[in-house]
Amino acid sequence: MSSQSWGQVVTDIAGSGQSYASFTTAQSLLTTATATAASSGFVTLPPGFFRVGGVLDYEVYLNMGSATGQTWTFSVKVGSVTAYTTGALPVTTTTNTALPLYLKFSLRCASVGNGTQAALTGMGMAMGIGISPLGGATPAANTSAGMGFSPLNITNIASGTGFDSTVANTLDFFCASGTSSASNTIQLMNYRVASWGNTAP
């Protein structure tokens, strides 16, 4: 029996977030800093929200500063579980300050259930002149051949870490920096999540 559901935006942000630098451990771009407009994107999904085959579509704009050798890894947390993680996206060899970075990805519900039975699969892309391709060409300067675009993952599409979909879960967006440096900055400028085939939040 098909799900009686519809496409809808489940969360977005009222304004840009804080610019973060000098960190490596993954931190929320929505809730790490207090009193930022980005905290409006932190949403709680009700028990039973996820349906097998349902999709969450993410559209994310960021400002990125970076120095040679840096990587960025993005992840989605469902409750306390990191349910999806990108590869470590390398940057170009140009030292950059607040360049735009665009992420577009989809998470499909592969299974539901209690304990750790629920799981998501994901795939998407990153675009920006300061990004090098994941697993591709050796990083070069901005706008050099092969730079500016990358898939978010290059391994086989598989379910991420399992979570409990029978309880209420917060939905959060994290970033890990490969190198702790004042030059490596990340700031959330726009964040929108649309749901297709899941239930209403």
N, C-alpha and C. Protein backbone atom coordinates (compact mmCIF):
# COMPACT_ATOMS: atom_id res chain seq x y z
N MET A 1 0.86 -1.19 0.00
CA MET A 1 0.00 0.00 0.00
C MET A 1 0.89 1.24 0.00
N SER A 2 0.59 2.18 -0.87
CA SER A 2 1.43 3.38 -0.97
C SER A 2 1.22 4.30 0.22
N SER A 3 2.25 5.11 0.48
CA SER A 3 2.18 6.07 1.58
C SER A 3 1.38 7.29 1.16
N GLN A 4 0.46 7.74 2.00
CA GLN A 4 -0.27 8.97 1.73
C GLN A 4 0.54 10.14 2.29
N SER A 5 1.45 10.63 1.47
CA SER A 5 2.35 11.69 1.90
C SER A 5 2.61 12.63 0.74
N TRP A 6 3.38 13.66 0.97
CA TRP A 6 3.58 14.69 -0.04
C TRP A 6 4.96 15.30 0.12
N GLY A 7 5.35 16.08 -0.91
CA GLY A 7 6.62 16.78 -0.83
C GLY A 7 6.47 18.05 -0.03
N GLN A 8 7.40 18.30 0.87
CA GLN A 8 7.33 19.51 1.68
C GLN A 8 8.71 19.85 2.24
N VAL A 9 8.93 21.12 2.49
CA VAL A 9 10.14 21.56 3.18
C VAL A 9 9.97 21.26 4.66
N VAL A 10 10.87 20.46 5.22
CA VAL A 10 10.76 20.14 6.64
C VAL A 10 11.58 21.09 7.50
N THR A 11 12.58 21.73 6.91
CA THR A 11 13.34 22.72 7.67
C THR A 11 14.18 23.59 6.75
N ASP A 12 14.42 24.82 7.19
CA ASP A 12 15.36 25.73 6.54
C ASP A 12 15.86 26.68 7.62
N ILE A 13 16.65 27.67 7.23
CA ILE A 13 17.22 28.57 8.24
C ILE A 13 16.76 30.01 8.00
N ALA A 14 16.69 30.78 9.08
CA ALA A 14 16.23 32.16 9.01
C ALA A 14 17.34 33.12 8.59
N GLY A 15 18.57 32.68 8.67
CA GLY A 15 19.70 33.54 8.31
C GLY A 15 20.99 32.74 8.38
N SER A 16 22.08 33.35 8.01
CA SER A 16 23.36 32.65 7.95
C SER A 16 23.85 32.25 9.33
N GLY A 17 24.67 31.21 9.38
CA GLY A 17 25.25 30.74 10.62
C GLY A 17 26.57 31.40 10.94
N GLN A 18 27.20 30.94 11.99
CA GLN A 18 28.50 31.46 12.40
C GLN A 18 29.59 30.87 11.52
N SER A 19 30.64 31.64 11.29
CA SER A 19 31.81 31.14 10.57
C SER A 19 32.74 30.45 11.57
N TYR A 20 33.07 29.19 11.28
CA TYR A 20 33.90 28.39 12.17
C TYR A 20 35.29 28.21 11.58
N ALA A 21 36.30 28.18 12.44
CA ALA A 21 37.68 27.93 12.03
C ALA A 21 38.40 27.20 13.17
N SER A 22 39.59 26.67 12.87
CA SER A 22 40.46 26.07 13.89
C SER A 22 39.76 24.94 14.65
N PHE A 23 39.22 23.96 13.92
CA PHE A 23 38.63 22.79 14.54
C PHE A 23 38.86 21.60 13.62
N THR A 24 38.77 20.40 14.17
CA THR A 24 38.83 19.19 13.37
C THR A 24 37.66 18.25 13.69
N THR A 25 37.30 18.13 14.95
CA THR A 25 36.19 17.26 15.32
C THR A 25 34.89 17.77 14.71
N ALA A 26 34.10 16.87 14.15
CA ALA A 26 32.84 17.26 13.52
C ALA A 26 31.96 18.04 14.49
N GLN A 27 31.41 19.16 14.02
CA GLN A 27 30.54 19.97 14.86
C GLN A 27 29.33 20.41 14.04
N SER A 28 28.24 20.65 14.74
CA SER A 28 27.02 21.08 14.08
C SER A 28 27.18 22.50 13.52
N LEU A 29 26.74 22.69 12.29
CA LEU A 29 26.70 24.03 11.71
C LEU A 29 25.39 24.74 12.05
N LEU A 30 24.48 24.00 12.69
CA LEU A 30 23.20 24.57 13.09
C LEU A 30 23.16 24.96 14.55
N THR A 31 23.80 24.18 15.41
CA THR A 31 23.58 24.36 16.85
C THR A 31 24.83 24.55 17.69
N THR A 32 26.03 24.46 17.09
CA THR A 32 27.24 24.57 17.91
C THR A 32 27.35 25.93 18.58
N ALA A 33 27.13 26.98 17.80
CA ALA A 33 27.15 28.33 18.37
C ALA A 33 25.74 28.70 18.82
N THR A 34 25.65 29.38 19.95
CA THR A 34 24.33 29.77 20.45
C THR A 34 23.84 31.03 19.75
N ALA A 35 22.53 31.18 19.73
CA ALA A 35 21.87 32.39 19.25
C ALA A 35 22.26 32.77 17.82
N THR A 36 22.36 31.78 16.94
CA THR A 36 22.56 32.10 15.52
C THR A 36 21.27 31.82 14.77
N ALA A 37 21.07 32.54 13.69
CA ALA A 37 19.86 32.36 12.89
C ALA A 37 19.79 30.95 12.32
N ALA A 38 20.94 30.31 12.16
CA ALA A 38 20.97 28.96 11.60
C ALA A 38 20.33 27.93 12.51
N SER A 39 20.20 28.24 13.80
CA SER A 39 19.62 27.27 14.72
C SER A 39 18.16 26.97 14.39
N SER A 40 17.53 27.82 13.59
CA SER A 40 16.14 27.57 13.19
C SER A 40 16.04 26.33 12.32
N GLY A 41 17.17 25.86 11.76
CA GLY A 41 17.17 24.66 10.93
C GLY A 41 17.20 23.37 11.71
N PHE A 42 17.38 23.45 13.02
CA PHE A 42 17.43 22.27 13.87
C PHE A 42 16.00 21.81 14.13
N VAL A 43 15.61 20.66 13.59
CA VAL A 43 14.22 20.23 13.62
C VAL A 43 14.11 18.85 14.26
N THR A 44 12.98 18.59 14.91
CA THR A 44 12.71 17.27 15.47
C THR A 44 11.66 16.57 14.61
N LEU A 45 12.01 15.39 14.12
CA LEU A 45 11.10 14.58 13.32
C LEU A 45 10.33 13.65 14.25
N PRO A 46 9.03 13.46 14.03
CA PRO A 46 8.21 12.65 14.94
C PRO A 46 8.47 11.16 14.78
N PRO A 47 8.06 10.35 15.73
CA PRO A 47 8.17 8.90 15.59
C PRO A 47 7.47 8.44 14.31
N GLY A 48 8.08 7.52 13.59
CA GLY A 48 7.47 7.00 12.39
C GLY A 48 7.54 7.91 11.19
N PHE A 49 8.35 8.98 11.27
CA PHE A 49 8.47 9.93 10.14
C PHE A 49 8.98 9.25 8.88
N PHE A 50 10.00 8.41 9.02
CA PHE A 50 10.64 7.80 7.85
C PHE A 50 9.81 6.66 7.28
N ARG A 51 9.75 6.59 5.96
CA ARG A 51 9.11 5.50 5.23
C ARG A 51 10.13 4.94 4.24
N VAL A 52 10.16 3.62 4.07
CA VAL A 52 11.08 3.01 3.11
C VAL A 52 10.81 3.59 1.72
N GLY A 53 11.84 4.06 1.07
CA GLY A 53 11.71 4.71 -0.23
C GLY A 53 11.54 6.20 -0.14
N GLY A 54 11.23 6.72 1.04
CA GLY A 54 11.12 8.16 1.22
C GLY A 54 12.48 8.83 1.09
N VAL A 55 12.49 10.09 0.68
CA VAL A 55 13.73 10.79 0.38
C VAL A 55 13.77 12.13 1.12
N LEU A 56 14.96 12.49 1.60
CA LEU A 56 15.24 13.84 2.09
C LEU A 56 16.20 14.49 1.09
N ASP A 57 15.77 15.59 0.50
CA ASP A 57 16.61 16.35 -0.44
C ASP A 57 17.24 17.53 0.28
N TYR A 58 18.57 17.62 0.23
CA TYR A 58 19.32 18.70 0.88
C TYR A 58 19.86 19.68 -0.16
N GLU A 59 19.69 20.97 0.12
CA GLU A 59 20.34 22.01 -0.66
C GLU A 59 21.04 22.94 0.32
N VAL A 60 22.37 23.05 0.19
CA VAL A 60 23.18 23.76 1.18
C VAL A 60 24.12 24.72 0.48
N TYR A 61 24.13 26.00 0.91
CA TYR A 61 25.11 26.97 0.45
C TYR A 61 26.04 27.29 1.62
N LEU A 62 27.33 27.36 1.34
CA LEU A 62 28.31 27.68 2.38
C LEU A 62 29.31 28.70 1.86
N ASN A 63 29.92 29.44 2.80
CA ASN A 63 31.13 30.20 2.51
C ASN A 63 32.31 29.39 3.05
N MET A 64 33.34 29.23 2.23
CA MET A 64 34.47 28.38 2.58
C MET A 64 35.79 29.14 2.40
N GLY A 65 36.60 29.14 3.44
CA GLY A 65 37.98 29.59 3.33
C GLY A 65 38.88 28.38 3.47
N SER A 66 39.98 28.34 2.73
CA SER A 66 40.80 27.13 2.78
C SER A 66 42.23 27.39 2.34
N ALA A 67 43.12 26.58 2.88
CA ALA A 67 44.53 26.58 2.47
C ALA A 67 44.88 25.19 1.95
N THR A 68 45.94 25.10 1.18
CA THR A 68 46.36 23.84 0.57
C THR A 68 46.41 22.70 1.60
N GLY A 69 45.90 21.55 1.20
CA GLY A 69 45.93 20.37 2.06
C GLY A 69 44.70 20.17 2.91
N GLN A 70 43.78 21.13 2.89
CA GLN A 70 42.57 21.04 3.70
C GLN A 70 41.56 20.08 3.07
N THR A 71 40.72 19.47 3.91
CA THR A 71 39.57 18.69 3.46
C THR A 71 38.36 19.06 4.30
N TRP A 72 37.19 18.87 3.72
CA TRP A 72 35.93 19.07 4.43
C TRP A 72 35.09 17.81 4.35
N THR A 73 34.56 17.37 5.47
CA THR A 73 33.69 16.21 5.52
C THR A 73 32.37 16.62 6.16
N PHE A 74 31.27 16.36 5.46
CA PHE A 74 29.94 16.75 5.95
C PHE A 74 29.16 15.50 6.35
N SER A 75 28.29 15.66 7.32
CA SER A 75 27.51 14.51 7.79
C SER A 75 26.14 14.96 8.29
N VAL A 76 25.22 14.01 8.28
CA VAL A 76 23.86 14.23 8.78
C VAL A 76 23.67 13.34 9.99
N LYS A 77 23.22 13.94 11.08
CA LYS A 77 22.89 13.17 12.27
C LYS A 77 21.38 13.06 12.42
N VAL A 78 20.93 11.84 12.70
CA VAL A 78 19.54 11.58 13.05
C VAL A 78 19.56 11.18 14.52
N GLY A 79 19.05 12.05 15.38
CA GLY A 79 19.23 11.85 16.81
C GLY A 79 20.72 11.93 17.13
N SER A 80 21.25 10.92 17.81
CA SER A 80 22.67 10.91 18.17
C SER A 80 23.51 10.11 17.17
N VAL A 81 22.87 9.61 16.11
CA VAL A 81 23.55 8.72 15.16
C VAL A 81 23.96 9.48 13.90
N THR A 82 25.21 9.32 13.50
CA THR A 82 25.67 9.86 12.22
C THR A 82 25.20 8.92 11.13
N ALA A 83 24.10 9.29 10.48
CA ALA A 83 23.42 8.39 9.54
C ALA A 83 23.96 8.49 8.12
N TYR A 84 24.65 9.59 7.80
CA TYR A 84 25.25 9.76 6.47
C TYR A 84 26.49 10.63 6.59
N THR A 85 27.55 10.24 5.88
CA THR A 85 28.80 11.00 5.87
C THR A 85 29.34 11.05 4.46
N THR A 86 29.79 12.23 4.04
CA THR A 86 30.43 12.37 2.73
C THR A 86 31.87 11.89 2.82
N GLY A 87 32.53 11.80 1.67
CA GLY A 87 33.97 11.61 1.68
C GLY A 87 34.64 12.89 2.13
N ALA A 88 35.94 12.84 2.38
CA ALA A 88 36.71 14.02 2.77
C ALA A 88 37.05 14.82 1.52
N LEU A 89 36.31 15.89 1.27
CA LEU A 89 36.45 16.66 0.04
C LEU A 89 37.72 17.51 0.07
N PRO A 90 38.65 17.28 -0.86
CA PRO A 90 39.88 18.08 -0.87
C PRO A 90 39.64 19.46 -1.48
N VAL A 91 40.47 20.41 -1.12
CA VAL A 91 40.37 21.76 -1.67
C VAL A 91 41.47 21.96 -2.72
N THR A 92 41.39 23.07 -3.42
CA THR A 92 42.42 23.40 -4.41
C THR A 92 43.69 23.89 -3.72
N THR A 93 44.71 24.17 -4.50
CA THR A 93 45.98 24.65 -3.95
C THR A 93 46.00 26.16 -3.75
N THR A 94 44.92 26.83 -4.16
CA THR A 94 44.82 28.28 -3.96
C THR A 94 44.35 28.57 -2.54
N THR A 95 44.95 29.55 -1.89
CA THR A 95 44.45 29.98 -0.59
C THR A 95 43.20 30.82 -0.81
N ASN A 96 42.09 30.38 -0.25
CA ASN A 96 40.80 31.01 -0.50
C ASN A 96 40.21 31.62 0.76
N THR A 97 39.40 32.66 0.56
CA THR A 97 38.71 33.30 1.67
C THR A 97 37.24 33.46 1.30
N ALA A 98 36.38 32.78 2.02
CA ALA A 98 34.93 32.93 1.89
C ALA A 98 34.43 32.77 0.45
N LEU A 99 34.87 31.71 -0.21
CA LEU A 99 34.34 31.39 -1.53
C LEU A 99 33.06 30.56 -1.38
N PRO A 100 32.12 30.70 -2.32
CA PRO A 100 30.88 29.91 -2.22
C PRO A 100 31.12 28.44 -2.51
N LEU A 101 30.43 27.60 -1.75
CA LEU A 101 30.45 26.15 -1.94
C LEU A 101 29.00 25.67 -1.90
N TYR A 102 28.62 24.88 -2.90
CA TYR A 102 27.24 24.41 -3.03
C TYR A 102 27.22 22.90 -2.88
N LEU A 103 26.33 22.40 -2.00
CA LEU A 103 26.12 20.97 -1.82
C LEU A 103 24.69 20.63 -2.17
N LYS A 104 24.52 19.56 -2.93
CA LYS A 104 23.19 19.05 -3.25
C LYS A 104 23.25 17.54 -3.10
N PHE A 105 22.41 16.98 -2.19
CA PHE A 105 22.43 15.54 -2.03
C PHE A 105 21.07 15.04 -1.55
N SER A 106 20.85 13.75 -1.76
CA SER A 106 19.60 13.11 -1.37
C SER A 106 19.89 11.93 -0.47
N LEU A 107 19.06 11.76 0.54
CA LEU A 107 19.13 10.61 1.43
C LEU A 107 17.85 9.80 1.28
N ARG A 108 17.99 8.54 0.93
CA ARG A 108 16.84 7.66 0.75
C ARG A 108 16.73 6.73 1.95
N CYS A 109 15.52 6.57 2.47
CA CYS A 109 15.29 5.64 3.57
C CYS A 109 15.32 4.22 3.03
N ALA A 110 16.29 3.44 3.49
CA ALA A 110 16.46 2.06 3.02
C ALA A 110 15.73 1.06 3.91
N SER A 111 15.54 1.43 5.19
CA SER A 111 14.86 0.53 6.12
C SER A 111 14.36 1.34 7.31
N VAL A 112 13.39 0.80 8.02
CA VAL A 112 12.86 1.45 9.22
C VAL A 112 12.82 0.43 10.35
N GLY A 113 12.60 0.92 11.57
CA GLY A 113 12.49 0.00 12.69
C GLY A 113 13.10 0.57 13.95
N ASN A 114 13.05 -0.21 15.03
CA ASN A 114 13.60 0.25 16.31
C ASN A 114 15.06 -0.16 16.45
N GLY A 115 15.64 0.21 17.58
CA GLY A 115 17.05 -0.12 17.81
C GLY A 115 17.92 0.56 16.78
N THR A 116 18.57 -0.22 15.93
CA THR A 116 19.41 0.33 14.85
C THR A 116 18.94 -0.17 13.49
N GLN A 117 17.66 -0.50 13.37
CA GLN A 117 17.15 -1.08 12.13
C GLN A 117 16.95 -0.06 11.01
N ALA A 118 16.66 1.19 11.34
CA ALA A 118 16.44 2.19 10.30
C ALA A 118 17.78 2.66 9.73
N ALA A 119 17.79 2.91 8.42
CA ALA A 119 19.05 3.33 7.78
C ALA A 119 18.75 4.15 6.54
N LEU A 120 19.71 5.01 6.18
CA LEU A 120 19.63 5.86 5.00
C LEU A 120 20.77 5.56 4.05
N THR A 121 20.53 5.76 2.75
CA THR A 121 21.60 5.75 1.75
C THR A 121 21.66 7.15 1.15
N GLY A 122 22.83 7.56 0.67
CA GLY A 122 22.94 8.92 0.16
C GLY A 122 23.91 9.07 -0.98
N MET A 123 23.68 10.13 -1.77
CA MET A 123 24.57 10.49 -2.86
C MET A 123 24.30 11.93 -3.24
N GLY A 124 25.33 12.61 -3.75
CA GLY A 124 25.16 13.99 -4.16
C GLY A 124 26.44 14.57 -4.71
N MET A 125 26.51 15.90 -4.75
CA MET A 125 27.64 16.58 -5.37
C MET A 125 27.99 17.85 -4.61
N ALA A 126 29.24 18.29 -4.83
CA ALA A 126 29.72 19.58 -4.32
C ALA A 126 30.23 20.39 -5.50
N MET A 127 29.97 21.69 -5.48
CA MET A 127 30.39 22.55 -6.58
C MET A 127 30.92 23.87 -6.03
N GLY A 128 32.08 24.29 -6.50
CA GLY A 128 32.70 25.54 -6.09
C GLY A 128 34.13 25.58 -6.59
N ILE A 129 34.63 26.74 -6.97
CA ILE A 129 35.95 26.79 -7.61
C ILE A 129 37.08 26.39 -6.66
N GLY A 130 36.81 26.33 -5.35
CA GLY A 130 37.84 25.95 -4.39
C GLY A 130 37.87 24.47 -4.05
N ILE A 131 37.06 23.66 -4.76
CA ILE A 131 36.97 22.23 -4.47
C ILE A 131 37.69 21.41 -5.53
N SER A 132 38.39 20.36 -5.09
CA SER A 132 39.00 19.39 -5.99
C SER A 132 38.16 18.12 -6.00
N PRO A 133 38.23 17.34 -7.07
CA PRO A 133 37.41 16.14 -7.13
C PRO A 133 37.87 15.06 -6.16
N LEU A 134 36.93 14.47 -5.48
CA LEU A 134 37.20 13.38 -4.55
C LEU A 134 37.69 12.16 -5.33
N GLY A 135 38.89 11.69 -5.00
CA GLY A 135 39.44 10.52 -5.66
C GLY A 135 39.81 10.75 -7.11
N GLY A 136 39.90 12.02 -7.54
CA GLY A 136 40.18 12.32 -8.94
C GLY A 136 41.52 12.99 -9.15
N ALA A 137 41.49 14.07 -9.91
CA ALA A 137 42.72 14.76 -10.28
C ALA A 137 43.45 15.30 -9.04
N THR A 138 44.77 15.38 -9.14
CA THR A 138 45.57 15.98 -8.07
C THR A 138 45.15 17.43 -7.90
N PRO A 139 44.91 17.88 -6.67
CA PRO A 139 44.49 19.26 -6.48
C PRO A 139 45.41 20.25 -7.17
N ALA A 140 44.80 21.23 -7.81
CA ALA A 140 45.52 22.29 -8.51
C ALA A 140 44.87 23.61 -8.13
N ALA A 141 45.24 24.68 -8.81
CA ALA A 141 44.71 26.00 -8.48
C ALA A 141 43.24 26.13 -8.86
N ASN A 142 42.60 27.14 -8.27
CA ASN A 142 41.21 27.44 -8.63
C ASN A 142 41.05 27.55 -10.14
N THR A 143 39.96 27.00 -10.66
CA THR A 143 39.57 27.05 -12.08
C THR A 143 40.51 26.28 -13.00
N SER A 144 41.50 25.57 -12.46
CA SER A 144 42.33 24.71 -13.31
C SER A 144 41.49 23.55 -13.81
N ALA A 145 41.94 22.91 -14.87
CA ALA A 145 41.23 21.77 -15.42
C ALA A 145 41.00 20.71 -14.36
N GLY A 146 39.78 20.23 -14.27
CA GLY A 146 39.43 19.18 -13.32
C GLY A 146 39.00 19.67 -11.96
N MET A 147 39.17 20.95 -11.66
CA MET A 147 38.81 21.49 -10.36
C MET A 147 37.36 22.02 -10.39
N GLY A 148 36.78 22.20 -9.21
CA GLY A 148 35.50 22.89 -9.09
C GLY A 148 34.28 22.03 -8.89
N PHE A 149 34.41 20.72 -9.01
CA PHE A 149 33.25 19.85 -8.88
C PHE A 149 33.69 18.52 -8.31
N SER A 150 32.84 17.92 -7.45
CA SER A 150 33.17 16.62 -6.90
C SER A 150 31.91 15.87 -6.51
N PRO A 151 31.87 14.54 -6.71
CA PRO A 151 30.83 13.75 -6.06
C PRO A 151 31.09 13.76 -4.56
N LEU A 152 30.06 13.55 -3.78
CA LEU A 152 30.23 13.54 -2.32
C LEU A 152 30.74 12.20 -1.81
N ASN A 153 30.55 11.16 -2.59
CA ASN A 153 31.04 9.83 -2.22
C ASN A 153 31.51 9.11 -3.48
N ILE A 154 32.53 8.28 -3.33
CA ILE A 154 33.00 7.51 -4.49
C ILE A 154 33.04 6.02 -4.19
N THR A 155 32.54 5.61 -3.04
CA THR A 155 32.42 4.19 -2.73
C THR A 155 31.02 3.72 -3.10
N ASN A 156 30.78 2.40 -3.00
CA ASN A 156 29.47 1.88 -3.36
C ASN A 156 28.38 2.46 -2.46
N ILE A 157 27.20 2.64 -3.02
CA ILE A 157 26.08 3.17 -2.25
C ILE A 157 25.60 2.09 -1.28
N ALA A 158 25.70 2.39 0.00
CA ALA A 158 25.33 1.42 1.03
C ALA A 158 24.68 2.15 2.19
N SER A 159 23.94 1.43 2.99
CA SER A 159 23.27 2.02 4.14
C SER A 159 24.28 2.53 5.15
N GLY A 160 23.95 3.68 5.74
CA GLY A 160 24.79 4.24 6.79
C GLY A 160 24.48 3.60 8.13
N THR A 161 25.00 4.19 9.19
CA THR A 161 24.79 3.66 10.54
C THR A 161 23.31 3.67 10.90
N GLY A 162 22.83 2.59 11.48
CA GLY A 162 21.42 2.44 11.79
C GLY A 162 20.96 3.27 12.98
N PHE A 163 19.70 3.62 12.97
CA PHE A 163 19.09 4.41 14.06
C PHE A 163 17.67 3.90 14.30
N ASP A 164 17.03 4.44 15.31
CA ASP A 164 15.69 4.04 15.70
C ASP A 164 14.68 5.02 15.10
N SER A 165 13.88 4.58 14.12
CA SER A 165 12.91 5.47 13.49
C SER A 165 11.56 5.46 14.19
N THR A 166 11.42 4.68 15.25
CA THR A 166 10.14 4.60 15.96
C THR A 166 10.02 5.66 17.05
N VAL A 167 11.08 6.45 17.25
CA VAL A 167 11.08 7.50 18.26
C VAL A 167 11.30 8.85 17.58
N ALA A 168 11.06 9.94 18.31
CA ALA A 168 11.35 11.27 17.79
C ALA A 168 12.85 11.43 17.63
N ASN A 169 13.28 12.04 16.52
CA ASN A 169 14.71 12.23 16.25
C ASN A 169 14.97 13.65 15.76
N THR A 170 16.01 14.28 16.30
CA THR A 170 16.43 15.56 15.77
C THR A 170 17.23 15.33 14.49
N LEU A 171 17.17 16.30 13.57
CA LEU A 171 17.90 16.24 12.32
C LEU A 171 18.92 17.37 12.33
N ASP A 172 20.21 17.01 12.23
CA ASP A 172 21.27 18.00 12.37
C ASP A 172 22.30 17.83 11.25
N PHE A 173 23.04 18.90 10.97
CA PHE A 173 24.01 18.93 9.87
C PHE A 173 25.38 19.30 10.43
N PHE A 174 26.37 18.42 10.19
CA PHE A 174 27.70 18.56 10.79
C PHE A 174 28.78 18.74 9.73
N CYS A 175 29.91 19.27 10.18
CA CYS A 175 31.08 19.42 9.32
C CYS A 175 32.33 19.12 10.14
N ALA A 176 33.28 18.40 9.53
CA ALA A 176 34.59 18.17 10.13
C ALA A 176 35.66 18.77 9.23
N SER A 177 36.60 19.45 9.84
CA SER A 177 37.71 20.07 9.11
C SER A 177 38.93 19.17 9.19
N GLY A 178 39.61 18.98 8.06
CA GLY A 178 40.77 18.10 8.04
C GLY A 178 41.96 18.66 8.80
N THR A 179 42.07 20.00 8.85
CA THR A 179 43.20 20.65 9.51
C THR A 179 42.70 21.81 10.36
N SER A 180 43.16 21.89 11.58
CA SER A 180 42.79 23.00 12.45
C SER A 180 43.64 24.21 12.12
N SER A 181 43.02 25.21 11.48
CA SER A 181 43.74 26.40 11.06
C SER A 181 42.77 27.57 10.97
N ALA A 182 43.24 28.75 11.29
CA ALA A 182 42.42 29.95 11.17
C ALA A 182 42.06 30.24 9.72
N SER A 183 42.83 29.67 8.78
CA SER A 183 42.57 29.88 7.35
C SER A 183 41.45 29.00 6.83
N ASN A 184 41.16 27.92 7.54
CA ASN A 184 40.14 26.97 7.10
C ASN A 184 38.83 27.31 7.79
N THR A 185 37.96 28.00 7.08
CA THR A 185 36.72 28.50 7.65
C THR A 185 35.52 27.94 6.89
N ILE A 186 34.43 27.75 7.61
CA ILE A 186 33.20 27.25 6.99
C ILE A 186 32.02 27.96 7.64
N GLN A 187 31.08 28.42 6.81
CA GLN A 187 29.92 29.16 7.31
C GLN A 187 28.69 28.75 6.52
N LEU A 188 27.65 28.36 7.21
CA LEU A 188 26.39 27.97 6.59
C LEU A 188 25.62 29.23 6.19
N MET A 189 25.29 29.33 4.90
CA MET A 189 24.58 30.51 4.39
C MET A 189 23.12 30.20 4.04
N ASN A 190 22.87 29.01 3.58
CA ASN A 190 21.50 28.57 3.29
C ASN A 190 21.42 27.06 3.51
N TYR A 191 20.31 26.62 4.06
CA TYR A 191 20.14 25.21 4.39
C TYR A 191 18.67 24.88 4.26
N ARG A 192 18.36 23.95 3.38
CA ARG A 192 16.96 23.56 3.19
C ARG A 192 16.87 22.06 2.99
N VAL A 193 15.91 21.44 3.68
CA VAL A 193 15.66 20.02 3.56
C VAL A 193 14.21 19.81 3.17
N ALA A 194 14.01 19.13 2.04
CA ALA A 194 12.67 18.79 1.59
C ALA A 194 12.46 17.29 1.71
N SER A 195 11.27 16.91 2.08
CA SER A 195 10.93 15.50 2.26
C SER A 195 9.96 15.04 1.17
N TRP A 196 10.23 13.84 0.64
CA TRP A 196 9.36 13.24 -0.37
C TRP A 196 9.07 11.79 0.05
N GLY A 197 7.80 11.46 0.19
CA GLY A 197 7.42 10.09 0.48
C GLY A 197 7.50 9.69 1.94
N ASN A 198 7.89 10.63 2.82
CA ASN A 198 7.85 10.37 4.26
C ASN A 198 6.55 10.95 4.80
N THR A 199 6.35 10.89 6.11
CA THR A 199 5.14 11.45 6.69
C THR A 199 5.35 12.92 7.03
N ALA A 200 4.31 13.59 7.45
CA ALA A 200 4.40 15.00 7.80
C ALA A 200 5.11 15.15 9.14
N PRO A 201 6.04 16.12 9.26
CA PRO A 201 6.71 16.32 10.55
C PRO A 201 5.81 17.05 11.54
